[in-house]
Every structure is written in C-alpha cells, then in structure tokens.
Amino acid sequence: MRLTSFEAGGRKTYGVLEDNVLREPGNAFRSRYTDLRAVIAGDAVAELLENDDGESHAVANIEFLPLIPHPDKILCVGVNYRSHIEEMGRVRALFWQPGRP
C-alpha cells in the first residue's frame, strides 16, 4: 500500500495504491483535505487508508504527480565537489560539461 498523488480524467487528486489499483477518497474527505499535503498535515493518513467512498482507477489510466504538491521545502543532498566525493569514498561520476576537461 502506498499513498500517491495522480491525475485521472484531467483531474488532480490523491489516494491509496494497492495491487495496481488507485483508490481515491470520497468527496466528503476530499472537501476537508484538498491534497495529500493537507492529509498529512491534518494527521488524517489513517482515516485516508480506511476511506473507500471514492472512485478506483487502474494504474494504466492515470498519470502520477509529485507526491506532495507545493512543498514548503525541498531538501537535496549533493556530491558535487571532488574533495567531498573523495571524502565520502565514492567514485567520481563521469559526465561531460562544456568547456571543462
């Protein structure tokens, strides 16, 4: 079981993915929690997992969206300096940069 945000029939929504079927919450739940971010912030994940009032969608018929729409923060971990790569004991990735050997 996984939580996910997705688009189905031109409508952005969210729900629970189980066995290649996405289960949307019902209208009453979605009116209180407009997106997955609101569900998590409202501590309503358990309620979402129990809610089976909405539509079901086959994975083949949807487009996955970023899990949390409009996040407050985006945290990234970068390994972009040779000294840092060596410090971590990693192998330098090979890629081409214009103007650099």
C-alpha atoms as a PDB file:
ATOM      1  CA  MET A   1       0.000   0.000   0.000  1.00  0.00           C
ATOM      2  CA  ARG A   2       1.312   3.439  -0.970  1.00  0.00           C
ATOM      3  CA  LEU A   3      -0.009   6.962  -0.835  1.00  0.00           C
ATOM      4  CA  THR A   4       0.182   8.840  -4.099  1.00  0.00           C
ATOM      5  CA  SER A   5      -0.918  11.953  -5.956  1.00  0.00           C
ATOM      6  CA  PHE A   6      -2.118  11.469  -9.516  1.00  0.00           C
ATOM      7  CA  GLU A   7      -4.181  12.830 -12.375  1.00  0.00           C
ATOM      8  CA  ALA A   8      -7.187  10.911 -13.674  1.00  0.00           C
ATOM      9  CA  GLY A   9      -9.548  12.161 -16.339  1.00  0.00           C
ATOM     10  CA  GLY A  10      -7.951  15.610 -16.311  1.00  0.00           C
ATOM     11  CA  ARG A  11      -8.480  15.974 -12.560  1.00  0.00           C
ATOM     12  CA  LYS A  12      -5.640  16.140  -9.995  1.00  0.00           C
ATOM     13  CA  THR A  13      -6.304  14.059  -6.929  1.00  0.00           C
ATOM     14  CA  TYR A  14      -4.693  11.630  -4.475  1.00  0.00           C
ATOM     15  CA  GLY A  15      -5.321   8.254  -2.960  1.00  0.00           C
ATOM     16  CA  VAL A  16      -4.009   4.858  -1.952  1.00  0.00           C
ATOM     17  CA  LEU A  17      -2.279   2.466  -4.359  1.00  0.00           C
ATOM     18  CA  GLU A  18      -2.817  -1.245  -3.735  1.00  0.00           C
ATOM     19  CA  ASP A  19      -2.361  -4.087  -6.233  1.00  0.00           C
ATOM     20  CA  ASN A  20      -2.084  -1.719  -9.238  1.00  0.00           C
ATOM     21  CA  VAL A  21      -5.393  -0.038  -8.368  1.00  0.00           C
ATOM     22  CA  LEU A  22      -5.609   3.521  -7.087  1.00  0.00           C
ATOM     23  CA  ARG A  23      -8.413   4.163  -4.635  1.00  0.00           C
ATOM     24  CA  GLU A  24      -9.486   7.774  -4.230  1.00  0.00           C
ATOM     25  CA  PRO A  25     -11.144   9.034  -1.053  1.00  0.00           C
ATOM     26  CA  GLY A  26     -14.757  10.139  -1.264  1.00  0.00           C
ATOM     27  CA  ASN A  27     -15.942  13.708  -1.867  1.00  0.00           C
ATOM     28  CA  ALA A  28     -16.551  14.444   1.823  1.00  0.00           C
ATOM     29  CA  PHE A  29     -12.973  13.506   2.718  1.00  0.00           C
ATOM     30  CA  ARG A  30     -11.512  15.429  -0.248  1.00  0.00           C
ATOM     31  CA  SER A  31     -13.510  18.524   0.693  1.00  0.00           C
ATOM     32  CA  ARG A  32     -11.781  18.523   4.108  1.00  0.00           C
ATOM     33  CA  TYR A  33      -8.330  17.607   2.740  1.00  0.00           C
ATOM     34  CA  THR A  34      -7.766  19.049  -0.715  1.00  0.00           C
ATOM     35  CA  ASP A  35      -4.444  17.293  -1.353  1.00  0.00           C
ATOM     36  CA  LEU A  36      -2.094  14.769   0.193  1.00  0.00           C
ATOM     37  CA  ARG A  37      -0.128  17.516   1.899  1.00  0.00           C
ATOM     38  CA  ALA A  38      -3.288  18.555   3.774  1.00  0.00           C
ATOM     39  CA  VAL A  39      -3.959  14.918   4.742  1.00  0.00           C
ATOM     40  CA  ILE A  40      -0.511  14.579   6.282  1.00  0.00           C
ATOM     41  CA  ALA A  41      -0.640  17.999   7.969  1.00  0.00           C
ATOM     42  CA  GLY A  42      -4.081  17.153   9.395  1.00  0.00           C
ATOM     43  CA  ASP A  43      -2.831  13.808  10.756  1.00  0.00           C
ATOM     44  CA  ALA A  44      -5.532  12.060   8.715  1.00  0.00           C
ATOM     45  CA  VAL A  45      -3.490   9.334   6.999  1.00  0.00           C
ATOM     46  CA  ALA A  46      -5.181   6.541   8.985  1.00  0.00           C
ATOM     47  CA  GLU A  47      -8.574   7.967   8.015  1.00  0.00           C
ATOM     48  CA  LEU A  48      -7.496   8.078   4.349  1.00  0.00           C
ATOM     49  CA  LEU A  49      -6.445   4.427   4.479  1.00  0.00           C
ATOM     50  CA  GLU A  50      -9.888   3.439   5.806  1.00  0.00           C
ATOM     51  CA  ASN A  51     -11.861   5.635   3.392  1.00  0.00           C
ATOM     52  CA  ASP A  52     -13.244   3.694   0.426  1.00  0.00           C
ATOM     53  CA  ASP A  53     -16.031   6.021  -0.696  1.00  0.00           C
ATOM     54  CA  GLY A  54     -14.320   7.302  -3.856  1.00  0.00           C
ATOM     55  CA  GLU A  55     -13.542   6.032  -7.328  1.00  0.00           C
ATOM     56  CA  SER A  56     -10.984   3.383  -8.200  1.00  0.00           C
ATOM     57  CA  HIS A  57      -8.571   3.798 -11.117  1.00  0.00           C
ATOM     58  CA  ALA A  58      -6.311   1.354 -12.928  1.00  0.00           C
ATOM     59  CA  VAL A  59      -2.653   2.430 -12.886  1.00  0.00           C
ATOM     60  CA  ALA A  60      -2.629   2.301 -16.698  1.00  0.00           C
ATOM     61  CA  ASN A  61      -5.269   5.061 -16.812  1.00  0.00           C
ATOM     62  CA  ILE A  62      -3.594   7.661 -14.604  1.00  0.00           C
ATOM     63  CA  GLU A  63      -0.552   9.918 -14.570  1.00  0.00           C
ATOM     64  CA  PHE A  64       1.473  10.054 -11.368  1.00  0.00           C
ATOM     65  CA  LEU A  65       2.163  13.531  -9.973  1.00  0.00           C
ATOM     66  CA  PRO A  66       4.695  14.726  -7.397  1.00  0.00           C
ATOM     67  CA  LEU A  67       3.704  13.172  -4.088  1.00  0.00           C
ATOM     68  CA  ILE A  68       3.419  16.446  -2.164  1.00  0.00           C
ATOM     69  CA  PRO A  69       2.114  19.356  -4.232  1.00  0.00           C
ATOM     70  CA  HIS A  70       3.665  22.768  -3.452  1.00  0.00           C
ATOM     71  CA  PRO A  71       6.108  21.662  -0.718  1.00  0.00           C
ATOM     72  CA  ASP A  72       7.416  24.219   1.783  1.00  0.00           C
ATOM     73  CA  LYS A  73      10.946  22.883   1.423  1.00  0.00           C
ATOM     74  CA  ILE A  74      12.913  20.757  -0.984  1.00  0.00           C
ATOM     75  CA  LEU A  75      15.903  19.054   0.582  1.00  0.00           C
ATOM     76  CA  CYS A  76      18.694  17.812  -1.653  1.00  0.00           C
ATOM     77  CA  VAL A  77      21.918  16.006  -0.985  1.00  0.00           C
ATOM     78  CA  GLY A  78      24.639  16.835  -3.442  1.00  0.00           C
ATOM     79  CA  VAL A  79      28.022  15.365  -4.130  1.00  0.00           C
ATOM     80  CA  ASN A  80      29.385  17.971  -6.457  1.00  0.00           C
ATOM     81  CA  TYR A  81      32.922  18.737  -5.270  1.00  0.00           C
ATOM     82  CA  ARG A  82      35.806  16.397  -5.916  1.00  0.00           C
ATOM     83  CA  SER A  83      37.104  16.719  -2.340  1.00  0.00           C
ATOM     84  CA  HIS A  84      33.670  15.844  -0.982  1.00  0.00           C
ATOM     85  CA  ILE A  85      33.362  12.848  -3.314  1.00  0.00           C
ATOM     86  CA  GLU A  86      36.772  11.597  -2.199  1.00  0.00           C
ATOM     87  CA  GLU A  87      35.941  12.249   1.465  1.00  0.00           C
ATOM     88  CA  MET A  88      32.859  10.050   1.098  1.00  0.00           C
ATOM     89  CA  GLY A  89      34.882   7.308  -0.603  1.00  0.00           C
ATOM     90  CA  ARG A  90      32.784   7.393  -3.748  1.00  0.00           C
ATOM     91  CA  VAL A  91      33.753   7.134  -7.376  1.00  0.00           C
ATOM     92  CA  ARG A  92      33.560  10.334  -9.398  1.00  0.00           C
ATOM     93  CA  ALA A  93      30.707  10.244 -11.902  1.00  0.00           C
ATOM     94  CA  LEU A  94      31.717  10.718 -15.481  1.00  0.00           C
ATOM     95  CA  PHE A  95      29.765  13.312 -17.401  1.00  0.00           C
ATOM     96  CA  TRP A  96      30.599  15.976 -19.917  1.00  0.00           C
ATOM     97  CA  GLN A  97      30.495  19.683 -19.149  1.00  0.00           C
ATOM     98  CA  PRO A  98      31.077  22.164 -21.979  1.00  0.00           C
ATOM     99  CA  GLY A  99      34.417  23.955 -21.559  1.00  0.00           C
ATOM    100  CA  ARG A 100      35.720  21.582 -18.857  1.00  0.00           C
ATOM    101  CA  PRO A 101      38.108  18.656 -19.221  1.00  0.00           C
END
